[in-house]
Amino acid sequence: MSTNIELDAKTIIKYYSKRWAVKTSYKYLKANLGFDKYKVHSLLSIERYFLIVFLAINFLEIFRILQSKFMIRTIGESIDYQRYISTIEFVLYIYHKAKNNVSIIDVYNQLKIA
């Protein structure tokens, strides 16, 4: 489908095949890196978005390489492992607070979820 009725089907497919890679990458980043709330309305926000994405992907790739003993093969697996580590750290944080008799209200306040 195209809004340009002057284009032939072959040209539309050629254009869309290039666009498809961008669309799927954008959707993946939004869904898996938490960029779904980021608004890109101005040139500056678009530049910032791509800088943040670039930094996130580089972090995940460097992490993947440095953690080769865990057999992390893809950026997706790096994301999953980072989530795993974060969950463990979160549970440990709450465990230590409970062990030290910190009230649940204080934990909420420290986590800024109260």
PDB file of N, CA and C in Angstrom:
ATOM      1  N   MET A   1       0.836  -1.180   0.000  1.00  0.00           N
ATOM      2  CA  MET A   1       0.000   0.000   0.000  1.00  0.00           C
ATOM      3  C   MET A   1       0.880   1.243   0.000  1.00  0.00           C
ATOM      4  N   SER A   2       0.414   2.251  -0.680  1.00  0.00           N
ATOM      5  CA  SER A   2       1.149   3.497  -0.742  1.00  0.00           C
ATOM      6  C   SER A   2       0.174   4.638  -0.997  1.00  0.00           C
ATOM      7  N   THR A   3       0.519   5.807  -0.468  1.00  0.00           N
ATOM      8  CA  THR A   3      -0.305   6.985  -0.737  1.00  0.00           C
ATOM      9  C   THR A   3       0.088   7.640  -2.053  1.00  0.00           C
ATOM     10  N   ASN A   4       1.221   7.240  -2.616  1.00  0.00           N
ATOM     11  CA  ASN A   4       1.691   7.784  -3.880  1.00  0.00           C
ATOM     12  C   ASN A   4       1.202   6.873  -5.010  1.00  0.00           C
ATOM     13  N   ILE A   5       0.167   7.288  -5.693  1.00  0.00           N
ATOM     14  CA  ILE A   5      -0.421   6.447  -6.740  1.00  0.00           C
ATOM     15  C   ILE A   5       0.424   6.415  -8.021  1.00  0.00           C
ATOM     16  N   GLU A   6       1.454   7.229  -8.081  1.00  0.00           N
ATOM     17  CA  GLU A   6       2.333   7.258  -9.247  1.00  0.00           C
ATOM     18  C   GLU A   6       3.350   6.113  -9.237  1.00  0.00           C
ATOM     19  N   LEU A   7       3.582   5.508  -8.080  1.00  0.00           N
ATOM     20  CA  LEU A   7       4.602   4.463  -7.964  1.00  0.00           C
ATOM     21  C   LEU A   7       4.067   3.121  -8.438  1.00  0.00           C
ATOM     22  N   ASP A   8       4.945   2.360  -9.090  1.00  0.00           N
ATOM     23  CA  ASP A   8       4.561   1.003  -9.477  1.00  0.00           C
ATOM     24  C   ASP A   8       4.796   0.063  -8.289  1.00  0.00           C
ATOM     25  N   ALA A   9       4.231  -1.128  -8.358  1.00  0.00           N
ATOM     26  CA  ALA A   9       4.293  -2.084  -7.250  1.00  0.00           C
ATOM     27  C   ALA A   9       5.725  -2.446  -6.873  1.00  0.00           C
ATOM     28  N   LYS A  10       6.591  -2.609  -7.858  1.00  0.00           N
ATOM     29  CA  LYS A  10       7.983  -2.983  -7.600  1.00  0.00           C
ATOM     30  C   LYS A  10       8.699  -1.895  -6.781  1.00  0.00           C
ATOM     31  N   THR A  11       8.464  -0.641  -7.120  1.00  0.00           N
ATOM     32  CA  THR A  11       9.086   0.470  -6.394  1.00  0.00           C
ATOM     33  C   THR A  11       8.556   0.547  -4.973  1.00  0.00           C
ATOM     34  N   ILE A  12       7.242   0.355  -4.816  1.00  0.00           N
ATOM     35  CA  ILE A  12       6.643   0.386  -3.475  1.00  0.00           C
ATOM     36  C   ILE A  12       7.257  -0.707  -2.606  1.00  0.00           C
ATOM     37  N   ILE A  13       7.394  -1.902  -3.156  1.00  0.00           N
ATOM     38  CA  ILE A  13       7.993  -3.007  -2.406  1.00  0.00           C
ATOM     39  C   ILE A  13       9.441  -2.694  -2.050  1.00  0.00           C
ATOM     40  N   LYS A  14      10.169  -2.098  -2.969  1.00  0.00           N
ATOM     41  CA  LYS A  14      11.566  -1.719  -2.717  1.00  0.00           C
ATOM     42  C   LYS A  14      11.651  -0.722  -1.559  1.00  0.00           C
ATOM     43  N   TYR A  15      10.818   0.319  -1.598  1.00  0.00           N
ATOM     44  CA  TYR A  15      10.804   1.321  -0.527  1.00  0.00           C
ATOM     45  C   TYR A  15      10.393   0.697   0.803  1.00  0.00           C
ATOM     46  N   TYR A  16       9.347  -0.118   0.757  1.00  0.00           N
ATOM     47  CA  TYR A  16       8.829  -0.686   1.993  1.00  0.00           C
ATOM     48  C   TYR A  16       9.812  -1.670   2.614  1.00  0.00           C
ATOM     49  N   SER A  17      10.569  -2.391   1.796  1.00  0.00           N
ATOM     50  CA  SER A  17      11.542  -3.331   2.347  1.00  0.00           C
ATOM     51  C   SER A  17      12.620  -2.600   3.142  1.00  0.00           C
ATOM     52  N   LYS A  18      12.990  -1.418   2.705  1.00  0.00           N
ATOM     53  CA  LYS A  18      13.954  -0.612   3.464  1.00  0.00           C
ATOM     54  C   LYS A  18      13.314  -0.069   4.735  1.00  0.00           C
ATOM     55  N   ARG A  19      12.084   0.338   4.620  1.00  0.00           N
ATOM     56  CA  ARG A  19      11.357   0.893   5.765  1.00  0.00           C
ATOM     57  C   ARG A  19      11.065  -0.176   6.813  1.00  0.00           C
ATOM     58  N   TRP A  20      10.846  -1.404   6.365  1.00  0.00           N
ATOM     59  CA  TRP A  20      10.485  -2.489   7.265  1.00  0.00           C
ATOM     60  C   TRP A  20      11.553  -2.710   8.332  1.00  0.00           C
ATOM     61  N   ALA A  21      12.822  -2.696   7.951  1.00  0.00           N
ATOM     62  CA  ALA A  21      13.905  -2.902   8.906  1.00  0.00           C
ATOM     63  C   ALA A  21      13.897  -1.817   9.985  1.00  0.00           C
ATOM     64  N   VAL A  22      13.635  -0.596   9.583  1.00  0.00           N
ATOM     65  CA  VAL A  22      13.576   0.515  10.543  1.00  0.00           C
ATOM     66  C   VAL A  22      12.390   0.326  11.484  1.00  0.00           C
ATOM     67  N   LYS A  23      11.225  -0.014  10.924  1.00  0.00           N
ATOM     68  CA  LYS A  23      10.014  -0.194  11.736  1.00  0.00           C
ATOM     69  C   LYS A  23      10.178  -1.323  12.752  1.00  0.00           C
ATOM     70  N   THR A  24      10.722  -2.455  12.324  1.00  0.00           N
ATOM     71  CA  THR A  24      10.865  -3.581  13.247  1.00  0.00           C
ATOM     72  C   THR A  24      11.908  -3.276  14.320  1.00  0.00           C
ATOM     73  N   SER A  25      12.981  -2.598  13.959  1.00  0.00           N
ATOM     74  CA  SER A  25      13.985  -2.205  14.951  1.00  0.00           C
ATOM     75  C   SER A  25      13.379  -1.244  15.972  1.00  0.00           C
ATOM     76  N   TYR A  26      12.642  -0.278  15.494  1.00  0.00           N
ATOM     77  CA  TYR A  26      12.005   0.698  16.376  1.00  0.00           C
ATOM     78  C   TYR A  26      11.033   0.009  17.331  1.00  0.00           C
ATOM     79  N   LYS A  27      10.235  -0.910  16.804  1.00  0.00           N
ATOM     80  CA  LYS A  27       9.270  -1.630  17.641  1.00  0.00           C
ATOM     81  C   LYS A  27       9.995  -2.484  18.679  1.00  0.00           C
ATOM     82  N   TYR A  28      11.066  -3.147  18.286  1.00  0.00           N
ATOM     83  CA  TYR A  28      11.843  -3.965  19.211  1.00  0.00           C
ATOM     84  C   TYR A  28      12.406  -3.107  20.338  1.00  0.00           C
ATOM     85  N   LEU A  29      12.983  -1.964  19.974  1.00  0.00           N
ATOM     86  CA  LEU A  29      13.576  -1.085  20.982  1.00  0.00           C
ATOM     87  C   LEU A  29      12.523  -0.561  21.951  1.00  0.00           C
ATOM     88  N   LYS A  30      11.377  -0.190  21.421  1.00  0.00           N
ATOM     89  CA  LYS A  30      10.300   0.300  22.272  1.00  0.00           C
ATOM     90  C   LYS A  30       9.839  -0.787  23.238  1.00  0.00           C
ATOM     91  N   ALA A  31       9.675  -1.982  22.738  1.00  0.00           N
ATOM     92  CA  ALA A  31       9.133  -3.067  23.552  1.00  0.00           C
ATOM     93  C   ALA A  31      10.148  -3.618  24.551  1.00  0.00           C
ATOM     94  N   ASN A  32      11.402  -3.734  24.158  1.00  0.00           N
ATOM     95  CA  ASN A  32      12.384  -4.434  24.983  1.00  0.00           C
ATOM     96  C   ASN A  32      13.345  -3.552  25.765  1.00  0.00           C
ATOM     97  N   LEU A  33      13.496  -2.319  25.374  1.00  0.00           N
ATOM     98  CA  LEU A  33      14.396  -1.431  26.105  1.00  0.00           C
ATOM     99  C   LEU A  33      13.649  -0.346  26.874  1.00  0.00           C
ATOM    100  N   GLY A  34      12.335  -0.397  26.844  1.00  0.00           N
ATOM    101  CA  GLY A  34      11.548   0.545  27.633  1.00  0.00           C
ATOM    102  C   GLY A  34      11.452   1.936  27.037  1.00  0.00           C
ATOM    103  N   PHE A  35      11.654   2.066  25.744  1.00  0.00           N
ATOM    104  CA  PHE A  35      11.579   3.373  25.104  1.00  0.00           C
ATOM    105  C   PHE A  35      10.185   3.697  24.575  1.00  0.00           C
ATOM    106  N   ASP A  36       9.197   2.934  25.003  1.00  0.00           N
ATOM    107  CA  ASP A  36       7.845   3.148  24.493  1.00  0.00           C
ATOM    108  C   ASP A  36       7.212   4.444  25.000  1.00  0.00           C
ATOM    109  N   LYS A  37       7.733   5.011  26.077  1.00  0.00           N
ATOM    110  CA  LYS A  37       7.185   6.258  26.612  1.00  0.00           C
ATOM    111  C   LYS A  37       7.927   7.497  26.102  1.00  0.00           C
ATOM    112  N   TYR A  38       9.021   7.288  25.394  1.00  0.00           N
ATOM    113  CA  TYR A  38       9.839   8.403  24.917  1.00  0.00           C
ATOM    114  C   TYR A  38       9.152   9.082  23.743  1.00  0.00           C
ATOM    115  N   LYS A  39       8.971  10.385  23.839  1.00  0.00           N
ATOM    116  CA  LYS A  39       8.289  11.154  22.790  1.00  0.00           C
ATOM    117  C   LYS A  39       9.322  11.832  21.900  1.00  0.00           C
ATOM    118  N   VAL A  40       9.151  11.706  20.607  1.00  0.00           N
ATOM    119  CA  VAL A  40      10.079  12.313  19.655  1.00  0.00           C
ATOM    120  C   VAL A  40       9.312  13.250  18.727  1.00  0.00           C
ATOM    121  N   HIS A  41       9.192  14.505  19.146  1.00  0.00           N
ATOM    122  CA  HIS A  41       8.462  15.490  18.353  1.00  0.00           C
ATOM    123  C   HIS A  41       9.378  16.518  17.692  1.00  0.00           C
ATOM    124  N   SER A  42      10.512  16.767  18.311  1.00  0.00           N
ATOM    125  CA  SER A  42      11.421  17.779  17.758  1.00  0.00           C
ATOM    126  C   SER A  42      12.707  17.101  17.285  1.00  0.00           C
ATOM    127  N   LEU A  43      13.468  17.809  16.526  1.00  0.00           N
ATOM    128  CA  LEU A  43      14.747  17.283  16.060  1.00  0.00           C
ATOM    129  C   LEU A  43      15.651  16.943  17.253  1.00  0.00           C
ATOM    130  N   LEU A  44      15.650  17.797  18.266  1.00  0.00           N
ATOM    131  CA  LEU A  44      16.469  17.551  19.450  1.00  0.00           C
ATOM    132  C   LEU A  44      16.043  16.261  20.151  1.00  0.00           C
ATOM    133  N   SER A  45      14.737  16.023  20.289  1.00  0.00           N
ATOM    134  CA  SER A  45      14.287  14.801  20.960  1.00  0.00           C
ATOM    135  C   SER A  45      14.613  13.563  20.116  1.00  0.00           C
ATOM    136  N   ILE A  46      14.574  13.675  18.812  1.00  0.00           N
ATOM    137  CA  ILE A  46      14.953  12.566  17.935  1.00  0.00           C
ATOM    138  C   ILE A  46      16.438  12.257  18.111  1.00  0.00           C
ATOM    139  N   GLU A  47      17.267  13.289  18.146  1.00  0.00           N
ATOM    140  CA  GLU A  47      18.710  13.093  18.356  1.00  0.00           C
ATOM    141  C   GLU A  47      18.972  12.440  19.710  1.00  0.00           C
ATOM    142  N   ARG A  48      18.293  12.923  20.734  1.00  0.00           N
ATOM    143  CA  ARG A  48      18.464  12.344  22.072  1.00  0.00           C
ATOM    144  C   ARG A  48      18.005  10.898  22.106  1.00  0.00           C
ATOM    145  N   TYR A  49      16.902  10.611  21.450  1.00  0.00           N
ATOM    146  CA  TYR A  49      16.386   9.237  21.405  1.00  0.00           C
ATOM    147  C   TYR A  49      17.438   8.306  20.811  1.00  0.00           C
ATOM    148  N   PHE A  50      17.987   8.677  19.660  1.00  0.00           N
ATOM    149  CA  PHE A  50      18.972   7.807  19.027  1.00  0.00           C
ATOM    150  C   PHE A  50      20.255   7.705  19.834  1.00  0.00           C
ATOM    151  N   LEU A  51      20.628   8.752  20.544  1.00  0.00           N
ATOM    152  CA  LEU A  51      21.800   8.685  21.415  1.00  0.00           C
ATOM    153  C   LEU A  51      21.558   7.700  22.554  1.00  0.00           C
ATOM    154  N   ILE A  52      20.395   7.772  23.176  1.00  0.00           N
ATOM    155  CA  ILE A  52      20.065   6.858  24.270  1.00  0.00           C
ATOM    156  C   ILE A  52      20.007   5.418  23.770  1.00  0.00           C
ATOM    157  N   VAL A  53      19.385   5.212  22.625  1.00  0.00           N
ATOM    158  CA  VAL A  53      19.304   3.862  22.042  1.00  0.00           C
ATOM    159  C   VAL A  53      20.709   3.342  21.754  1.00  0.00           C
ATOM    160  N   PHE A  54      21.543   4.181  21.136  1.00  0.00           N
ATOM    161  CA  PHE A  54      22.919   3.799  20.823  1.00  0.00           C
ATOM    162  C   PHE A  54      23.669   3.395  22.088  1.00  0.00           C
ATOM    163  N   LEU A  55      23.534   4.187  23.152  1.00  0.00           N
ATOM    164  CA  LEU A  55      24.214   3.879  24.409  1.00  0.00           C
ATOM    165  C   LEU A  55      23.695   2.583  25.018  1.00  0.00           C
ATOM    166  N   ALA A  56      22.383   2.389  24.989  1.00  0.00           N
ATOM    167  CA  ALA A  56      21.798   1.163  25.553  1.00  0.00           C
ATOM    168  C   ALA A  56      22.269  -0.070  24.799  1.00  0.00           C
ATOM    169  N   ILE A  57      22.255  -0.007  23.481  1.00  0.00           N
ATOM    170  CA  ILE A  57      22.686  -1.158  22.681  1.00  0.00           C
ATOM    171  C   ILE A  57      24.169  -1.443  22.899  1.00  0.00           C
ATOM    172  N   ASN A  58      24.981  -0.388  22.970  1.00  0.00           N
ATOM    173  CA  ASN A  58      26.412  -0.588  23.215  1.00  0.00           C
ATOM    174  C   ASN A  58      26.656  -1.182  24.600  1.00  0.00           C
ATOM    175  N   PHE A  59      25.932  -0.695  25.611  1.00  0.00           N
ATOM    176  CA  PHE A  59      26.062  -1.271  26.947  1.00  0.00           C
ATOM    177  C   PHE A  59      25.738  -2.758  26.923  1.00  0.00           C
ATOM    178  N   LEU A  60      24.613  -3.105  26.293  1.00  0.00           N
ATOM    179  CA  LEU A  60      24.196  -4.504  26.244  1.00  0.00           C
ATOM    180  C   LEU A  60      25.190  -5.370  25.475  1.00  0.00           C
ATOM    181  N   GLU A  61      25.748  -4.831  24.409  1.00  0.00           N
ATOM    182  CA  GLU A  61      26.718  -5.585  23.619  1.00  0.00           C
ATOM    183  C   GLU A  61      28.025  -5.773  24.391  1.00  0.00           C
ATOM    184  N   ILE A  62      28.496  -4.729  25.061  1.00  0.00           N
ATOM    185  CA  ILE A  62      29.718  -4.854  25.875  1.00  0.00           C
ATOM    186  C   ILE A  62      29.476  -5.839  27.019  1.00  0.00           C
ATOM    187  N   PHE A  63      28.320  -5.727  27.660  1.00  0.00           N
ATOM    188  CA  PHE A  63      27.969  -6.663  28.729  1.00  0.00           C
ATOM    189  C   PHE A  63      27.968  -8.096  28.196  1.00  0.00           C
ATOM    190  N   ARG A  64      27.390  -8.300  27.020  1.00  0.00           N
ATOM    191  CA  ARG A  64      27.328  -9.632  26.418  1.00  0.00           C
ATOM    192  C   ARG A  64      28.731 -10.193  26.210  1.00  0.00           C
ATOM    193  N   ILE A  65      29.629  -9.379  25.710  1.00  0.00           N
ATOM    194  CA  ILE A  65      31.001  -9.823  25.442  1.00  0.00           C
ATOM    195  C   ILE A  65      31.737 -10.128  26.751  1.00  0.00           C
ATOM    196  N   LEU A  66      31.584  -9.255  27.740  1.00  0.00           N
ATOM    197  CA  LEU A  66      32.287  -9.434  29.013  1.00  0.00           C
ATOM    198  C   LEU A  66      31.738 -10.606  29.826  1.00  0.00           C
ATOM    199  N   GLN A  67      30.506 -10.962  29.604  1.00  0.00           N
ATOM    200  CA  GLN A  67      29.878 -12.061  30.345  1.00  0.00           C
ATOM    201  C   GLN A  67      29.829 -13.336  29.512  1.00  0.00           C
ATOM    202  N   SER A  68      30.841 -13.570  28.719  1.00  0.00           N
ATOM    203  CA  SER A  68      30.834 -14.720  27.807  1.00  0.00           C
ATOM    204  C   SER A  68      30.715 -16.050  28.545  1.00  0.00           C
ATOM    205  N   LYS A  69      31.105 -16.101  29.811  1.00  0.00           N
ATOM    206  CA  LYS A  69      31.003 -17.351  30.573  1.00  0.00           C
ATOM    207  C   LYS A  69      29.550 -17.785  30.773  1.00  0.00           C
ATOM    208  N   PHE A  70      28.601 -16.842  30.630  1.00  0.00           N
ATOM    209  CA  PHE A  70      27.185 -17.167  30.777  1.00  0.00           C
ATOM    210  C   PHE A  70      26.534 -17.540  29.444  1.00  0.00           C
ATOM    211  N   MET A  71      27.329 -17.598  28.384  1.00  0.00           N
ATOM    212  CA  MET A  71      26.834 -17.998  27.060  1.00  0.00           C
ATOM    213  C   MET A  71      25.696 -17.098  26.573  1.00  0.00           C
ATOM    214  N   ILE A  72      25.835 -15.800  26.775  1.00  0.00           N
ATOM    215  CA  ILE A  72      24.857 -14.835  26.279  1.00  0.00           C
ATOM    216  C   ILE A  72      25.199 -14.580  24.819  1.00  0.00           C
ATOM    217  N   ARG A  73      24.281 -14.942  23.924  1.00  0.00           N
ATOM    218  CA  ARG A  73      24.584 -14.890  22.502  1.00  0.00           C
ATOM    219  C   ARG A  73      24.010 -13.681  21.774  1.00  0.00           C
ATOM    220  N   THR A  74      22.972 -13.085  22.323  1.00  0.00           N
ATOM    221  CA  THR A  74      22.305 -11.995  21.611  1.00  0.00           C
ATOM    222  C   THR A  74      22.035 -10.825  22.550  1.00  0.00           C
ATOM    223  N   ILE A  75      21.688  -9.684  21.974  1.00  0.00           N
ATOM    224  CA  ILE A  75      21.299  -8.535  22.790  1.00  0.00           C
ATOM    225  C   ILE A  75      20.018  -8.857  23.560  1.00  0.00           C
ATOM    226  N   GLY A  76      19.114  -9.609  22.951  1.00  0.00           N
ATOM    227  CA  GLY A  76      17.896 -10.025  23.648  1.00  0.00           C
ATOM    228  C   GLY A  76      18.219 -10.823  24.901  1.00  0.00           C
ATOM    229  N   GLU A  77      19.190 -11.727  24.809  1.00  0.00           N
ATOM    230  CA  GLU A  77      19.608 -12.492  25.982  1.00  0.00           C
ATOM    231  C   GLU A  77      20.287 -11.588  27.005  1.00  0.00           C
ATOM    232  N   SER A  78      21.008 -10.559  26.540  1.00  0.00           N
ATOM    233  CA  SER A  78      21.604  -9.581  27.461  1.00  0.00           C
ATOM    234  C   SER A  78      20.512  -8.844  28.231  1.00  0.00           C
ATOM    235  N   ILE A  79      19.445  -8.470  27.529  1.00  0.00           N
ATOM    236  CA  ILE A  79      18.321  -7.794  28.180  1.00  0.00           C
ATOM    237  C   ILE A  79      17.704  -8.709  29.236  1.00  0.00           C
ATOM    238  N   ASP A  80      17.468  -9.962  28.863  1.00  0.00           N
ATOM    239  CA  ASP A  80      16.880 -10.918  29.805  1.00  0.00           C
ATOM    240  C   ASP A  80      17.770 -11.093  31.030  1.00  0.00           C
ATOM    241  N   TYR A  81      19.075 -11.192  30.821  1.00  0.00           N
ATOM    242  CA  TYR A  81      19.996 -11.380  31.945  1.00  0.00           C
ATOM    243  C   TYR A  81      20.038 -10.141  32.831  1.00  0.00           C
ATOM    244  N   GLN A  82      20.005  -8.962  32.221  1.00  0.00           N
ATOM    245  CA  GLN A  82      19.964  -7.725  33.012  1.00  0.00           C
ATOM    246  C   GLN A  82      18.700  -7.679  33.868  1.00  0.00           C
ATOM    247  N   ARG A  83      17.571  -8.082  33.319  1.00  0.00           N
ATOM    248  CA  ARG A  83      16.317  -8.123  34.088  1.00  0.00           C
ATOM    249  C   ARG A  83      16.433  -9.117  35.240  1.00  0.00           C
ATOM    250  N   TYR A  84      17.039 -10.249  34.969  1.00  0.00           N
ATOM    251  CA  TYR A  84      17.263 -11.269  36.000  1.00  0.00           C
ATOM    252  C   TYR A  84      18.106 -10.697  37.148  1.00  0.00           C
ATOM    253  N   ILE A  85      19.224 -10.048  36.805  1.00  0.00           N
ATOM    254  CA  ILE A  85      20.098  -9.447  37.816  1.00  0.00           C
ATOM    255  C   ILE A  85      19.344  -8.380  38.612  1.00  0.00           C
ATOM    256  N   SER A  86      18.579  -7.549  37.922  1.00  0.00           N
ATOM    257  CA  SER A  86      17.820  -6.494  38.595  1.00  0.00           C
ATOM    258  C   SER A  86      16.808  -7.063  39.574  1.00  0.00           C
ATOM    259  N   THR A  87      16.150  -8.140  39.189  1.00  0.00           N
ATOM    260  CA  THR A  87      15.173  -8.776  40.070  1.00  0.00           C
ATOM    261  C   THR A  87      15.847  -9.329  41.316  1.00  0.00           C
ATOM    262  N   ILE A  88      16.975  -9.984  41.132  1.00  0.00           N
ATOM    263  CA  ILE A  88      17.717 -10.518  42.279  1.00  0.00           C
ATOM    264  C   ILE A  88      18.146  -9.390  43.205  1.00  0.00           C
ATOM    265  N   GLU A  89      18.685  -8.307  42.645  1.00  0.00           N
ATOM    266  CA  GLU A  89      19.117  -7.170  43.458  1.00  0.00           C
ATOM    267  C   GLU A  89      17.947  -6.534  44.212  1.00  0.00           C
ATOM    268  N   PHE A  90      16.801  -6.454  43.569  1.00  0.00           N
ATOM    269  CA  PHE A  90      15.606  -5.888  44.189  1.00  0.00           C
ATOM    270  C   PHE A  90      15.157  -6.740  45.374  1.00  0.00           C
ATOM    271  N   VAL A  91      15.116  -8.045  45.184  1.00  0.00           N
ATOM    272  CA  VAL A  91      14.714  -8.953  46.261  1.00  0.00           C
ATOM    273  C   VAL A  91      15.724  -8.887  47.409  1.00  0.00           C
ATOM    274  N   LEU A  92      17.011  -8.865  47.098  1.00  0.00           N
ATOM    275  CA  LEU A  92      18.043  -8.758  48.135  1.00  0.00           C
ATOM    276  C   LEU A  92      17.922  -7.450  48.922  1.00  0.00           C
ATOM    277  N   TYR A  93      17.628  -6.371  48.222  1.00  0.00           N
ATOM    278  CA  TYR A  93      17.449  -5.074  48.880  1.00  0.00           C
ATOM    279  C   TYR A  93      16.315  -5.156  49.905  1.00  0.00           C
ATOM    280  N   ILE A  94      15.179  -5.685  49.477  1.00  0.00           N
ATOM    281  CA  ILE A  94      14.026  -5.793  50.375  1.00  0.00           C
ATOM    282  C   ILE A  94      14.333  -6.759  51.525  1.00  0.00           C
ATOM    283  N   TYR A  95      15.002  -7.849  51.229  1.00  0.00           N
ATOM    284  CA  TYR A  95      15.376  -8.815  52.262  1.00  0.00           C
ATOM    285  C   TYR A  95      16.235  -8.159  53.341  1.00  0.00           C
ATOM    286  N   HIS A  96      17.267  -7.405  52.921  1.00  0.00           N
ATOM    287  CA  HIS A  96      18.157  -6.757  53.895  1.00  0.00           C
ATOM    288  C   HIS A  96      17.422  -5.686  54.699  1.00  0.00           C
ATOM    289  N   LYS A  97      16.523  -4.972  54.061  1.00  0.00           N
ATOM    290  CA  LYS A  97      15.742  -3.972  54.796  1.00  0.00           C
ATOM    291  C   LYS A  97      14.852  -4.650  55.837  1.00  0.00           C
ATOM    292  N   ALA A  98      14.207  -5.750  55.460  1.00  0.00           N
ATOM    293  CA  ALA A  98      13.347  -6.483  56.399  1.00  0.00           C
ATOM    294  C   ALA A  98      14.179  -7.070  57.535  1.00  0.00           C
ATOM    295  N   LYS A  99      15.352  -7.599  57.213  1.00  0.00           N
ATOM    296  CA  LYS A  99      16.240  -8.185  58.213  1.00  0.00           C
ATOM    297  C   LYS A  99      16.701  -7.137  59.229  1.00  0.00           C
ATOM    298  N   ASN A 100      16.832  -5.887  58.775  1.00  0.00           N
ATOM    299  CA  ASN A 100      17.257  -4.784  59.653  1.00  0.00           C
ATOM    300  C   ASN A 100      16.068  -4.030  60.248  1.00  0.00           C
ATOM    301  N   ASN A 101      14.888  -4.645  60.178  1.00  0.00           N
ATOM    302  CA  ASN A 101      13.660  -4.092  60.768  1.00  0.00           C
ATOM    303  C   ASN A 101      13.276  -2.720  60.225  1.00  0.00           C
ATOM    304  N   VAL A 102      13.568  -2.463  58.982  1.00  0.00           N
ATOM    305  CA  VAL A 102      13.134  -1.220  58.342  1.00  0.00           C
ATOM    306  C   VAL A 102      11.657  -1.397  57.991  1.00  0.00           C
ATOM    307  N   SER A 103      10.852  -0.417  58.324  1.00  0.00           N
ATOM    308  CA  SER A 103       9.409  -0.541  58.072  1.00  0.00           C
ATOM    309  C   SER A 103       9.122  -0.545  56.567  1.00  0.00           C
ATOM    310  N   ILE A 104       8.003  -1.162  56.226  1.00  0.00           N
ATOM    311  CA  ILE A 104       7.610  -1.229  54.822  1.00  0.00           C
ATOM    312  C   ILE A 104       7.360   0.165  54.253  1.00  0.00           C
ATOM    313  N   ILE A 105       6.855   1.068  55.074  1.00  0.00           N
ATOM    314  CA  ILE A 105       6.629   2.451  54.627  1.00  0.00           C
ATOM    315  C   ILE A 105       7.960   3.108  54.272  1.00  0.00           C
ATOM    316  N   ASP A 106       8.984   2.880  55.099  1.00  0.00           N
ATOM    317  CA  ASP A 106      10.305   3.445  54.800  1.00  0.00           C
ATOM    318  C   ASP A 106      10.889   2.843  53.511  1.00  0.00           C
ATOM    319  N   VAL A 107      10.669   1.550  53.301  1.00  0.00           N
ATOM    320  CA  VAL A 107      11.138   0.904  52.061  1.00  0.00           C
ATOM    321  C   VAL A 107      10.415   1.522  50.867  1.00  0.00           C
ATOM    322  N   TYR A 108       9.098   1.708  50.990  1.00  0.00           N
ATOM    323  CA  TYR A 108       8.343   2.363  49.931  1.00  0.00           C
ATOM    324  C   TYR A 108       8.899   3.746  49.628  1.00  0.00           C
ATOM    325  N   ASN A 109       9.174   4.497  50.682  1.00  0.00           N
ATOM    326  CA  ASN A 109       9.697   5.863  50.499  1.00  0.00           C
ATOM    327  C   ASN A 109      11.079   5.839  49.849  1.00  0.00           C
ATOM    328  N   GLN A 110      11.934   4.908  50.263  1.00  0.00           N
ATOM    329  CA  GLN A 110      13.273   4.813  49.684  1.00  0.00           C
ATOM    330  C   GLN A 110      13.206   4.421  48.212  1.00  0.00           C
ATOM    331  N   LEU A 111      12.237   3.588  47.865  1.00  0.00           N
ATOM    332  CA  LEU A 111      12.073   3.170  46.470  1.00  0.00           C
ATOM    333  C   LEU A 111      11.225   4.156  45.667  1.00  0.00           C
ATOM    334  N   LYS A 112      10.726   5.171  46.371  1.00  0.00           N
ATOM    335  CA  LYS A 112       9.877   6.202  45.746  1.00  0.00           C
ATOM    336  C   LYS A 112       8.633   5.602  45.081  1.00  0.00           C
ATOM    337  N   ILE A 113       8.012   4.653  45.808  1.00  0.00           N
ATOM    338  CA  ILE A 113       6.788   4.063  45.317  1.00  0.00           C
ATOM    339  C   ILE A 113       5.636   4.267  46.285  1.00  0.00           C
ATOM    340  N   ALA A 114       5.864   5.114  47.301  1.00  0.00           N
ATOM    341  CA  ALA A 114       4.803   5.398  48.277  1.00  0.00           C
ATOM    342  C   ALA A 114       3.907   6.509  47.790  1.00  0.00           C
TER     343      ALA A 114
END
